[in-house]
Amino acid sequence: SPMEGREAKVKDTLRTMGSSILVGAISTFLGVIPLAFSSSEIFNTIFVTFIGLVTLGAGHGLILLPVLLSIFGPNECVHSEARRETEVAEVADATGKTGPGDEESITA
């Protein structure tokens, strides 16, 4: 995300991916509901297992991980630093400057 700050990144991620996680959880729940009305104990066990799995997955994806990333996640974009280093290396290759002091003149 090009946004700065952990909380802005989490909000952006939830805005873009949160609906997909929620739709996946709801559609899985709807697909498993018929198992709840089965007279077989095995199907009822599978139903409870799936509901637990979907609830844990959606809870982690929509609540736990965003909170943890807003607290402990990277504060700046990791890809932008790697992209900057790649661009500096490409410019250095193009200009033939490869010394340690040459990077400063390339990025300035």
PDB file of N, CA and C in Angstrom:
ATOM      1  N   SER A   1       0.838  -1.183   0.000  1.00  0.00           N
ATOM      2  CA  SER A   1       0.000   0.000   0.000  1.00  0.00           C
ATOM      3  C   SER A   1       0.880   1.242   0.000  1.00  0.00           C
ATOM      4  N   PRO A   2       0.578   2.220  -0.806  1.00  0.00           N
ATOM      5  CA  PRO A   2       1.385   3.432  -0.849  1.00  0.00           C
ATOM      6  C   PRO A   2       1.121   4.360   0.334  1.00  0.00           C
ATOM      7  N   MET A   3       0.149   4.047   1.169  1.00  0.00           N
ATOM      8  CA  MET A   3      -0.194   4.907   2.295  1.00  0.00           C
ATOM      9  C   MET A   3       0.877   4.818   3.371  1.00  0.00           C
ATOM     10  N   GLU A   4       0.997   5.882   4.146  1.00  0.00           N
ATOM     11  CA  GLU A   4       1.982   5.928   5.225  1.00  0.00           C
ATOM     12  C   GLU A   4       1.300   5.625   6.553  1.00  0.00           C
ATOM     13  N   GLY A   5       1.981   4.907   7.387  1.00  0.00           N
ATOM     14  CA  GLY A   5       1.473   4.596   8.716  1.00  0.00           C
ATOM     15  C   GLY A   5       0.780   3.250   8.748  1.00  0.00           C
ATOM     16  N   ARG A   6       0.913   2.591   9.880  1.00  0.00           N
ATOM     17  CA  ARG A   6       0.342   1.248  10.037  1.00  0.00           C
ATOM     18  C   ARG A   6      -1.180   1.264   9.950  1.00  0.00           C
ATOM     19  N   GLU A   7      -1.812   2.186  10.659  1.00  0.00           N
ATOM     20  CA  GLU A   7      -3.270   2.192  10.695  1.00  0.00           C
ATOM     21  C   GLU A   7      -3.865   2.499   9.329  1.00  0.00           C
ATOM     22  N   ALA A   8      -3.233   3.385   8.571  1.00  0.00           N
ATOM     23  CA  ALA A   8      -3.725   3.697   7.228  1.00  0.00           C
ATOM     24  C   ALA A   8      -3.589   2.487   6.314  1.00  0.00           C
ATOM     25  N   LYS A   9      -2.500   1.742   6.475  1.00  0.00           N
ATOM     26  CA  LYS A   9      -2.313   0.537   5.669  1.00  0.00           C
ATOM     27  C   LYS A   9      -3.362  -0.523   6.009  1.00  0.00           C
ATOM     28  N   VAL A  10      -3.656  -0.677   7.300  1.00  0.00           N
ATOM     29  CA  VAL A  10      -4.653  -1.661   7.717  1.00  0.00           C
ATOM     30  C   VAL A  10      -6.034  -1.269   7.194  1.00  0.00           C
ATOM     31  N   LYS A  11      -6.380   0.021   7.290  1.00  0.00           N
ATOM     32  CA  LYS A  11      -7.679   0.476   6.771  1.00  0.00           C
ATOM     33  C   LYS A  11      -7.781   0.237   5.264  1.00  0.00           C
ATOM     34  N   ASP A  12      -6.698   0.525   4.549  1.00  0.00           N
ATOM     35  CA  ASP A  12      -6.689   0.308   3.108  1.00  0.00           C
ATOM     36  C   ASP A  12      -6.832  -1.174   2.778  1.00  0.00           C
ATOM     37  N   THR A  13      -6.135  -2.012   3.521  1.00  0.00           N
ATOM     38  CA  THR A  13      -6.211  -3.456   3.285  1.00  0.00           C
ATOM     39  C   THR A  13      -7.599  -3.994   3.585  1.00  0.00           C
ATOM     40  N   LEU A  14      -8.195  -3.568   4.687  1.00  0.00           N
ATOM     41  CA  LEU A  14      -9.550  -4.025   5.007  1.00  0.00           C
ATOM     42  C   LEU A  14     -10.569  -3.511   3.999  1.00  0.00           C
ATOM     43  N   ARG A  15     -10.334  -2.307   3.500  1.00  0.00           N
ATOM     44  CA  ARG A  15     -11.247  -1.748   2.494  1.00  0.00           C
ATOM     45  C   ARG A  15     -11.185  -2.560   1.201  1.00  0.00           C
ATOM     46  N   THR A  16      -9.991  -3.011   0.840  1.00  0.00           N
ATOM     47  CA  THR A  16      -9.850  -3.721  -0.432  1.00  0.00           C
ATOM     48  C   THR A  16     -10.068  -5.226  -0.308  1.00  0.00           C
ATOM     49  N   MET A  17      -9.632  -5.837   0.800  1.00  0.00           N
ATOM     50  CA  MET A  17      -9.709  -7.286   0.933  1.00  0.00           C
ATOM     51  C   MET A  17     -10.773  -7.770   1.904  1.00  0.00           C
ATOM     52  N   GLY A  18     -11.248  -6.896   2.776  1.00  0.00           N
ATOM     53  CA  GLY A  18     -12.199  -7.300   3.803  1.00  0.00           C
ATOM     54  C   GLY A  18     -13.481  -7.873   3.243  1.00  0.00           C
ATOM     55  N   SER A  19     -13.979  -7.275   2.177  1.00  0.00           N
ATOM     56  CA  SER A  19     -15.226  -7.775   1.588  1.00  0.00           C
ATOM     57  C   SER A  19     -15.042  -9.168   1.001  1.00  0.00           C
ATOM     58  N   SER A  20     -13.887  -9.434   0.429  1.00  0.00           N
ATOM     59  CA  SER A  20     -13.619 -10.773  -0.127  1.00  0.00           C
ATOM     60  C   SER A  20     -13.579 -11.818   0.973  1.00  0.00           C
ATOM     61  N   ILE A  21     -12.963 -11.489   2.090  1.00  0.00           N
ATOM     62  CA  ILE A  21     -12.909 -12.418   3.218  1.00  0.00           C
ATOM     63  C   ILE A  21     -14.314 -12.676   3.740  1.00  0.00           C
ATOM     64  N   LEU A  22     -15.099 -11.617   3.879  1.00  0.00           N
ATOM     65  CA  LEU A  22     -16.465 -11.757   4.390  1.00  0.00           C
ATOM     66  C   LEU A  22     -17.348 -12.564   3.437  1.00  0.00           C
ATOM     67  N   VAL A  23     -17.246 -12.304   2.152  1.00  0.00           N
ATOM     68  CA  VAL A  23     -18.046 -13.054   1.171  1.00  0.00           C
ATOM     69  C   VAL A  23     -17.646 -14.529   1.173  1.00  0.00           C
ATOM     70  N   GLY A  24     -16.358 -14.805   1.292  1.00  0.00           N
ATOM     71  CA  GLY A  24     -15.900 -16.197   1.365  1.00  0.00           C
ATOM     72  C   GLY A  24     -16.447 -16.907   2.589  1.00  0.00           C
ATOM     73  N   ALA A  25     -16.452 -16.220   3.730  1.00  0.00           N
ATOM     74  CA  ALA A  25     -16.970 -16.821   4.955  1.00  0.00           C
ATOM     75  C   ALA A  25     -18.477 -17.061   4.856  1.00  0.00           C
ATOM     76  N   ILE A  26     -19.196 -16.082   4.336  1.00  0.00           N
ATOM     77  CA  ILE A  26     -20.656 -16.224   4.227  1.00  0.00           C
ATOM     78  C   ILE A  26     -21.033 -17.314   3.236  1.00  0.00           C
ATOM     79  N   SER A  27     -20.358 -17.374   2.096  1.00  0.00           N
ATOM     80  CA  SER A  27     -20.705 -18.396   1.104  1.00  0.00           C
ATOM     81  C   SER A  27     -20.368 -19.800   1.619  1.00  0.00           C
ATOM     82  N   THR A  28     -19.274 -19.936   2.348  1.00  0.00           N
ATOM     83  CA  THR A  28     -18.952 -21.241   2.932  1.00  0.00           C
ATOM     84  C   THR A  28     -19.992 -21.617   3.977  1.00  0.00           C
ATOM     85  N   PHE A  29     -20.387 -20.653   4.793  1.00  0.00           N
ATOM     86  CA  PHE A  29     -21.416 -20.907   5.793  1.00  0.00           C
ATOM     87  C   PHE A  29     -22.721 -21.338   5.133  1.00  0.00           C
ATOM     88  N   LEU A  30     -23.122 -20.650   4.076  1.00  0.00           N
ATOM     89  CA  LEU A  30     -24.364 -21.015   3.378  1.00  0.00           C
ATOM     90  C   LEU A  30     -24.268 -22.397   2.739  1.00  0.00           C
ATOM     91  N   GLY A  31     -23.079 -22.746   2.257  1.00  0.00           N
ATOM     92  CA  GLY A  31     -22.910 -24.063   1.638  1.00  0.00           C
ATOM     93  C   GLY A  31     -22.939 -25.207   2.636  1.00  0.00           C
ATOM     94  N   VAL A  32     -22.649 -24.914   3.901  1.00  0.00           N
ATOM     95  CA  VAL A  32     -22.566 -25.959   4.924  1.00  0.00           C
ATOM     96  C   VAL A  32     -23.854 -26.064   5.735  1.00  0.00           C
ATOM     97  N   ILE A  33     -24.717 -25.076   5.642  1.00  0.00           N
ATOM     98  CA  ILE A  33     -25.961 -25.089   6.422  1.00  0.00           C
ATOM     99  C   ILE A  33     -26.775 -26.383   6.244  1.00  0.00           C
ATOM    100  N   PRO A  34     -26.907 -26.937   5.042  1.00  0.00           N
ATOM    101  CA  PRO A  34     -27.690 -28.180   4.933  1.00  0.00           C
ATOM    102  C   PRO A  34     -27.182 -29.315   5.815  1.00  0.00           C
ATOM    103  N   LEU A  35     -25.887 -29.310   6.142  1.00  0.00           N
ATOM    104  CA  LEU A  35     -25.363 -30.361   7.014  1.00  0.00           C
ATOM    105  C   LEU A  35     -25.944 -30.266   8.420  1.00  0.00           C
ATOM    106  N   ALA A  36     -26.371 -29.091   8.834  1.00  0.00           N
ATOM    107  CA  ALA A  36     -26.930 -28.920  10.174  1.00  0.00           C
ATOM    108  C   ALA A  36     -28.259 -29.653  10.324  1.00  0.00           C
ATOM    109  N   PHE A  37     -28.977 -29.834   9.238  1.00  0.00           N
ATOM    110  CA  PHE A  37     -30.286 -30.473   9.291  1.00  0.00           C
ATOM    111  C   PHE A  37     -30.228 -31.965   9.011  1.00  0.00           C
ATOM    112  N   SER A  38     -29.045 -32.504   8.928  1.00  0.00           N
ATOM    113  CA  SER A  38     -28.878 -33.928   8.666  1.00  0.00           C
ATOM    114  C   SER A  38     -29.116 -34.733   9.938  1.00  0.00           C
ATOM    115  N   SER A  39     -29.632 -35.937   9.782  1.00  0.00           N
ATOM    116  CA  SER A  39     -29.849 -36.805  10.943  1.00  0.00           C
ATOM    117  C   SER A  39     -28.585 -37.604  11.287  1.00  0.00           C
ATOM    118  N   SER A  40     -27.610 -37.571  10.426  1.00  0.00           N
ATOM    119  CA  SER A  40     -26.367 -38.306  10.653  1.00  0.00           C
ATOM    120  C   SER A  40     -25.452 -37.533  11.603  1.00  0.00           C
ATOM    121  N   GLU A  41     -24.912 -38.247  12.579  1.00  0.00           N
ATOM    122  CA  GLU A  41     -24.007 -37.622  13.542  1.00  0.00           C
ATOM    123  C   GLU A  41     -22.710 -37.161  12.868  1.00  0.00           C
ATOM    124  N   ILE A  42     -22.263 -37.890  11.865  1.00  0.00           N
ATOM    125  CA  ILE A  42     -21.031 -37.524  11.157  1.00  0.00           C
ATOM    126  C   ILE A  42     -21.209 -36.185  10.444  1.00  0.00           C
ATOM    127  N   PHE A  43     -22.345 -36.001   9.772  1.00  0.00           N
ATOM    128  CA  PHE A  43     -22.587 -34.743   9.063  1.00  0.00           C
ATOM    129  C   PHE A  43     -22.729 -33.573  10.040  1.00  0.00           C
ATOM    130  N   ASN A  44     -23.343 -33.815  11.192  1.00  0.00           N
ATOM    131  CA  ASN A  44     -23.433 -32.756  12.198  1.00  0.00           C
ATOM    132  C   ASN A  44     -22.047 -32.385  12.718  1.00  0.00           C
ATOM    133  N   THR A  45     -21.168 -33.376  12.881  1.00  0.00           N
ATOM    134  CA  THR A  45     -19.799 -33.104  13.316  1.00  0.00           C
ATOM    135  C   THR A  45     -19.043 -32.299  12.265  1.00  0.00           C
ATOM    136  N   ILE A  46     -19.240 -32.655  11.007  1.00  0.00           N
ATOM    137  CA  ILE A  46     -18.603 -31.905   9.918  1.00  0.00           C
ATOM    138  C   ILE A  46     -19.133 -30.476   9.893  1.00  0.00           C
ATOM    139  N   PHE A  47     -20.431 -30.302  10.114  1.00  0.00           N
ATOM    140  CA  PHE A  47     -21.026 -28.964  10.154  1.00  0.00           C
ATOM    141  C   PHE A  47     -20.382 -28.114  11.251  1.00  0.00           C
ATOM    142  N   VAL A  48     -20.291 -28.666  12.451  1.00  0.00           N
ATOM    143  CA  VAL A  48     -19.711 -27.921  13.566  1.00  0.00           C
ATOM    144  C   VAL A  48     -18.245 -27.595  13.282  1.00  0.00           C
ATOM    145  N   THR A  49     -17.527 -28.540  12.694  1.00  0.00           N
ATOM    146  CA  THR A  49     -16.121 -28.310  12.360  1.00  0.00           C
ATOM    147  C   THR A  49     -15.979 -27.192  11.331  1.00  0.00           C
ATOM    148  N   PHE A  50     -16.794 -27.229  10.288  1.00  0.00           N
ATOM    149  CA  PHE A  50     -16.725 -26.184   9.261  1.00  0.00           C
ATOM    150  C   PHE A  50     -17.102 -24.817   9.815  1.00  0.00           C
ATOM    151  N   ILE A  51     -18.134 -24.764  10.647  1.00  0.00           N
ATOM    152  CA  ILE A  51     -18.543 -23.486  11.230  1.00  0.00           C
ATOM    153  C   ILE A  51     -17.416 -22.929  12.100  1.00  0.00           C
ATOM    154  N   GLY A  52     -16.804 -23.798  12.891  1.00  0.00           N
ATOM    155  CA  GLY A  52     -15.668 -23.361  13.709  1.00  0.00           C
ATOM    156  C   GLY A  52     -14.508 -22.876  12.863  1.00  0.00           C
ATOM    157  N   LEU A  53     -14.212 -23.609  11.798  1.00  0.00           N
ATOM    158  CA  LEU A  53     -13.109 -23.244  10.915  1.00  0.00           C
ATOM    159  C   LEU A  53     -13.373 -21.914  10.208  1.00  0.00           C
ATOM    160  N   VAL A  54     -14.573 -21.740   9.705  1.00  0.00           N
ATOM    161  CA  VAL A  54     -14.923 -20.497   9.010  1.00  0.00           C
ATOM    162  C   VAL A  54     -14.926 -19.323   9.985  1.00  0.00           C
ATOM    163  N   THR A  55     -15.446 -19.536  11.182  1.00  0.00           N
ATOM    164  CA  THR A  55     -15.476 -18.466  12.182  1.00  0.00           C
ATOM    165  C   THR A  55     -14.062 -18.060  12.585  1.00  0.00           C
ATOM    166  N   LEU A  56     -13.200 -19.042  12.823  1.00  0.00           N
ATOM    167  CA  LEU A  56     -11.815 -18.730  13.171  1.00  0.00           C
ATOM    168  C   LEU A  56     -11.091 -18.023  12.023  1.00  0.00           C
ATOM    169  N   GLY A  57     -11.290 -18.503  10.809  1.00  0.00           N
ATOM    170  CA  GLY A  57     -10.634 -17.890   9.659  1.00  0.00           C
ATOM    171  C   GLY A  57     -11.084 -16.459   9.427  1.00  0.00           C
ATOM    172  N   ALA A  58     -12.392 -16.229   9.468  1.00  0.00           N
ATOM    173  CA  ALA A  58     -12.910 -14.878   9.265  1.00  0.00           C
ATOM    174  C   ALA A  58     -12.512 -13.968  10.427  1.00  0.00           C
ATOM    175  N   GLY A  59     -12.525 -14.507  11.643  1.00  0.00           N
ATOM    176  CA  GLY A  59     -12.115 -13.717  12.796  1.00  0.00           C
ATOM    177  C   GLY A  59     -10.653 -13.305  12.723  1.00  0.00           C
ATOM    178  N   HIS A  60      -9.799 -14.231  12.299  1.00  0.00           N
ATOM    179  CA  HIS A  60      -8.387 -13.897  12.149  1.00  0.00           C
ATOM    180  C   HIS A  60      -8.174 -12.892  11.018  1.00  0.00           C
ATOM    181  N   GLY A  61      -8.850 -13.112   9.890  1.00  0.00           N
ATOM    182  CA  GLY A  61      -8.647 -12.241   8.736  1.00  0.00           C
ATOM    183  C   GLY A  61      -9.231 -10.854   8.897  1.00  0.00           C
ATOM    184  N   LEU A  62     -10.337 -10.739   9.628  1.00  0.00           N
ATOM    185  CA  LEU A  62     -11.018  -9.450   9.743  1.00  0.00           C
ATOM    186  C   LEU A  62     -10.756  -8.715  11.055  1.00  0.00           C
ATOM    187  N   ILE A  63     -10.324  -9.449  12.091  1.00  0.00           N
ATOM    188  CA  ILE A  63     -10.147  -8.806  13.395  1.00  0.00           C
ATOM    189  C   ILE A  63      -8.719  -8.944  13.912  1.00  0.00           C
ATOM    190  N   LEU A  64      -8.269 -10.173  14.128  1.00  0.00           N
ATOM    191  CA  LEU A  64      -6.990 -10.384  14.804  1.00  0.00           C
ATOM    192  C   LEU A  64      -5.791  -9.876  13.999  1.00  0.00           C
ATOM    193  N   LEU A  65      -5.639 -10.330  12.767  1.00  0.00           N
ATOM    194  CA  LEU A  65      -4.474  -9.916  11.980  1.00  0.00           C
ATOM    195  C   LEU A  65      -4.428  -8.415  11.701  1.00  0.00           C
ATOM    196  N   PRO A  66      -5.539  -7.764  11.358  1.00  0.00           N
ATOM    197  CA  PRO A  66      -5.465  -6.309  11.195  1.00  0.00           C
ATOM    198  C   PRO A  66      -5.030  -5.578  12.470  1.00  0.00           C
ATOM    199  N   VAL A  67      -5.515  -6.045  13.631  1.00  0.00           N
ATOM    200  CA  VAL A  67      -5.111  -5.410  14.884  1.00  0.00           C
ATOM    201  C   VAL A  67      -3.620  -5.619  15.127  1.00  0.00           C
ATOM    202  N   LEU A  68      -3.148  -6.853  14.940  1.00  0.00           N
ATOM    203  CA  LEU A  68      -1.722  -7.130  15.145  1.00  0.00           C
ATOM    204  C   LEU A  68      -0.847  -6.357  14.166  1.00  0.00           C
ATOM    205  N   LEU A  69      -1.270  -6.255  12.914  1.00  0.00           N
ATOM    206  CA  LEU A  69      -0.480  -5.512  11.936  1.00  0.00           C
ATOM    207  C   LEU A  69      -0.503  -4.010  12.213  1.00  0.00           C
ATOM    208  N   SER A  70      -1.597  -3.500  12.766  1.00  0.00           N
ATOM    209  CA  SER A  70      -1.621  -2.074  13.101  1.00  0.00           C
ATOM    210  C   SER A  70      -0.709  -1.769  14.281  1.00  0.00           C
ATOM    211  N   ILE A  71      -0.415  -2.778  15.094  1.00  0.00           N
ATOM    212  CA  ILE A  71       0.473  -2.580  16.237  1.00  0.00           C
ATOM    213  C   ILE A  71       1.927  -2.890  15.872  1.00  0.00           C
ATOM    214  N   PHE A  72       2.155  -4.039  15.217  1.00  0.00           N
ATOM    215  CA  PHE A  72       3.512  -4.517  14.977  1.00  0.00           C
ATOM    216  C   PHE A  72       3.960  -4.471  13.522  1.00  0.00           C
ATOM    217  N   GLY A  73       3.100  -4.085  12.600  1.00  0.00           N
ATOM    218  CA  GLY A  73       3.418  -4.125  11.174  1.00  0.00           C
ATOM    219  C   GLY A  73       4.450  -3.079  10.772  1.00  0.00           C
ATOM    220  N   PRO A  74       4.911  -3.171   9.524  1.00  0.00           N
ATOM    221  CA  PRO A  74       5.900  -2.196   9.055  1.00  0.00           C
ATOM    222  C   PRO A  74       5.280  -0.803   8.953  1.00  0.00           C
ATOM    223  N   ASN A  75       6.063   0.195   9.303  1.00  0.00           N
ATOM    224  CA  ASN A  75       5.563   1.563   9.278  1.00  0.00           C
ATOM    225  C   ASN A  75       5.698   2.194   7.898  1.00  0.00           C
ATOM    226  N   GLU A  76       6.628   1.686   7.102  1.00  0.00           N
ATOM    227  CA  GLU A  76       6.816   2.213   5.757  1.00  0.00           C
ATOM    228  C   GLU A  76       6.669   1.072   4.757  1.00  0.00           C
ATOM    229  N   CYS A  77       6.515   1.433   3.512  1.00  0.00           N
ATOM    230  CA  CYS A  77       6.323   0.443   2.463  1.00  0.00           C
ATOM    231  C   CYS A  77       7.639  -0.294   2.214  1.00  0.00           C
ATOM    232  N   VAL A  78       7.627  -1.591   2.393  1.00  0.00           N
ATOM    233  CA  VAL A  78       8.836  -2.392   2.229  1.00  0.00           C
ATOM    234  C   VAL A  78       9.230  -2.447   0.760  1.00  0.00           C
ATOM    235  N   HIS A  79       8.261  -2.536  -0.123  1.00  0.00           N
ATOM    236  CA  HIS A  79       8.551  -2.651  -1.551  1.00  0.00           C
ATOM    237  C   HIS A  79       9.165  -1.373  -2.114  1.00  0.00           C
ATOM    238  N   SER A  80       8.819  -0.225  -1.557  1.00  0.00           N
ATOM    239  CA  SER A  80       9.363   1.015  -2.101  1.00  0.00           C
ATOM    240  C   SER A  80      10.863   1.098  -1.875  1.00  0.00           C
ATOM    241  N   GLU A  81      11.351   0.606  -0.740  1.00  0.00           N
ATOM    242  CA  GLU A  81      12.789   0.616  -0.480  1.00  0.00           C
ATOM    243  C   GLU A  81      13.502  -0.345  -1.427  1.00  0.00           C
ATOM    244  N   ALA A  82      12.935  -1.525  -1.643  1.00  0.00           N
ATOM    245  CA  ALA A  82      13.543  -2.479  -2.575  1.00  0.00           C
ATOM    246  C   ALA A  82      13.507  -1.922  -3.999  1.00  0.00           C
ATOM    247  N   ARG A  83      12.410  -1.267  -4.367  1.00  0.00           N
ATOM    248  CA  ARG A  83      12.289  -0.671  -5.692  1.00  0.00           C
ATOM    249  C   ARG A  83      13.319   0.442  -5.870  1.00  0.00           C
ATOM    250  N   ARG A  84      13.545   1.246  -4.822  1.00  0.00           N
ATOM    251  CA  ARG A  84      14.522   2.324  -4.880  1.00  0.00           C
ATOM    252  C   ARG A  84      15.927   1.761  -5.092  1.00  0.00           C
ATOM    253  N   GLU A  85      16.254   0.686  -4.359  1.00  0.00           N
ATOM    254  CA  GLU A  85      17.573   0.064  -4.522  1.00  0.00           C
ATOM    255  C   GLU A  85      17.747  -0.494  -5.927  1.00  0.00           C
ATOM    256  N   THR A  86      16.691  -1.072  -6.490  1.00  0.00           N
ATOM    257  CA  THR A  86      16.753  -1.600  -7.854  1.00  0.00           C
ATOM    258  C   THR A  86      16.961  -0.478  -8.855  1.00  0.00           C
ATOM    259  N   GLU A  87      16.256   0.638  -8.669  1.00  0.00           N
ATOM    260  CA  GLU A  87      16.412   1.776  -9.578  1.00  0.00           C
ATOM    261  C   GLU A  87      17.816   2.356  -9.495  1.00  0.00           C
ATOM    262  N   VAL A  88      18.366   2.442  -8.285  1.00  0.00           N
ATOM    263  CA  VAL A  88      19.726   2.951  -8.119  1.00  0.00           C
ATOM    264  C   VAL A  88      20.707   2.028  -8.826  1.00  0.00           C
ATOM    265  N   ALA A  89      20.514   0.716  -8.703  1.00  0.00           N
ATOM    266  CA  ALA A  89      21.404  -0.240  -9.361  1.00  0.00           C
ATOM    267  C   ALA A  89      21.292  -0.125 -10.880  1.00  0.00           C
ATOM    268  N   GLU A  90      20.058   0.070 -11.396  1.00  0.00           N
ATOM    269  CA  GLU A  90      19.887   0.207 -12.842  1.00  0.00           C
ATOM    270  C   GLU A  90      20.561   1.470 -13.363  1.00  0.00           C
ATOM    271  N   VAL A  91      20.423   2.563 -12.637  1.00  0.00           N
ATOM    272  CA  VAL A  91      21.065   3.808 -13.046  1.00  0.00           C
ATOM    273  C   VAL A  91      22.579   3.651 -12.981  1.00  0.00           C
ATOM    274  N   ALA A  92      23.062   2.970 -11.929  1.00  0.00           N
ATOM    275  CA  ALA A  92      24.503   2.756 -11.796  1.00  0.00           C
ATOM    276  C   ALA A  92      25.032   1.919 -12.953  1.00  0.00           C
ATOM    277  N   ASP A  93      24.286   0.906 -13.362  1.00  0.00           N
ATOM    278  CA  ASP A  93      24.698   0.086 -14.503  1.00  0.00           C
ATOM    279  C   ASP A  93      24.703   0.908 -15.789  1.00  0.00           C
ATOM    280  N   ALA A  94      23.710   1.765 -15.941  1.00  0.00           N
ATOM    281  CA  ALA A  94      23.603   2.558 -17.171  1.00  0.00           C
ATOM    282  C   ALA A  94      24.688   3.618 -17.266  1.00  0.00           C
ATOM    283  N   THR A  95      25.065   4.191 -16.121  1.00  0.00           N
ATOM    284  CA  THR A  95      26.064   5.260 -16.148  1.00  0.00           C
ATOM    285  C   THR A  95      27.474   4.758 -15.904  1.00  0.00           C
ATOM    286  N   GLY A  96      27.601   3.498 -15.476  1.00  0.00           N
ATOM    287  CA  GLY A  96      28.919   2.935 -15.222  1.00  0.00           C
ATOM    288  C   GLY A  96      29.482   3.309 -13.868  1.00  0.00           C
ATOM    289  N   LYS A  97      28.694   3.969 -13.028  1.00  0.00           N
ATOM    290  CA  LYS A  97      29.150   4.324 -11.689  1.00  0.00           C
ATOM    291  C   LYS A  97      28.869   3.154 -10.756  1.00  0.00           C
ATOM    292  N   THR A  98      29.907   2.608 -10.168  1.00  0.00           N
ATOM    293  CA  THR A  98      29.725   1.457  -9.297  1.00  0.00           C
ATOM    294  C   THR A  98      30.391   1.620  -7.950  1.00  0.00           C
ATOM    295  N   GLY A  99      31.062   2.710  -7.708  1.00  0.00           N
ATOM    296  CA  GLY A  99      31.763   2.916  -6.444  1.00  0.00           C
ATOM    297  C   GLY A  99      30.796   3.213  -5.319  1.00  0.00           C
ATOM    298  N   PRO A 100      31.261   3.068  -4.055  1.00  0.00           N
ATOM    299  CA  PRO A 100      30.364   3.304  -2.924  1.00  0.00           C
ATOM    300  C   PRO A 100      29.913   4.754  -2.827  1.00  0.00           C
ATOM    301  N   GLY A 101      30.731   5.705  -3.232  1.00  0.00           N
ATOM    302  CA  GLY A 101      30.337   7.109  -3.184  1.00  0.00           C
ATOM    303  C   GLY A 101      29.496   7.513  -4.374  1.00  0.00           C
ATOM    304  N   ASP A 102      29.438   6.681  -5.389  1.00  0.00           N
ATOM    305  CA  ASP A 102      28.688   7.022  -6.598  1.00  0.00           C
ATOM    306  C   ASP A 102      27.186   6.988  -6.396  1.00  0.00           C
ATOM    307  N   GLU A 103      26.697   6.167  -5.460  1.00  0.00           N
ATOM    308  CA  GLU A 103      25.259   6.069  -5.250  1.00  0.00           C
ATOM    309  C   GLU A 103      24.670   7.395  -4.797  1.00  0.00           C
ATOM    310  N   GLU A 104      25.429   8.143  -3.983  1.00  0.00           N
ATOM    311  CA  GLU A 104      24.921   9.421  -3.511  1.00  0.00           C
ATOM    312  C   GLU A 104      24.705  10.387  -4.668  1.00  0.00           C
ATOM    313  N   SER A 105      25.589  10.380  -5.613  1.00  0.00           N
ATOM    314  CA  SER A 105      25.413  11.281  -6.750  1.00  0.00           C
ATOM    315  C   SER A 105      24.313  10.818  -7.674  1.00  0.00           C
ATOM    316  N   ILE A 106      24.035   9.519  -7.695  1.00  0.00           N
ATOM    317  CA  ILE A 106      22.961   8.994  -8.548  1.00  0.00           C
ATOM    318  C   ILE A 106      21.596   9.362  -7.962  1.00  0.00           C
ATOM    319  N   THR A 107      21.434   9.204  -6.626  1.00  0.00           N
ATOM    320  CA  THR A 107      20.127   9.447  -6.014  1.00  0.00           C
ATOM    321  C   THR A 107      19.851  10.906  -5.764  1.00  0.00           C
ATOM    322  N   ALA A 108      20.860  11.752  -5.821  1.00  0.00           N
ATOM    323  CA  ALA A 108      20.661  13.176  -5.526  1.00  0.00           C
ATOM    324  C   ALA A 108      19.990  13.902  -6.659  1.00  0.00           C
TER     325      ALA A 108
END
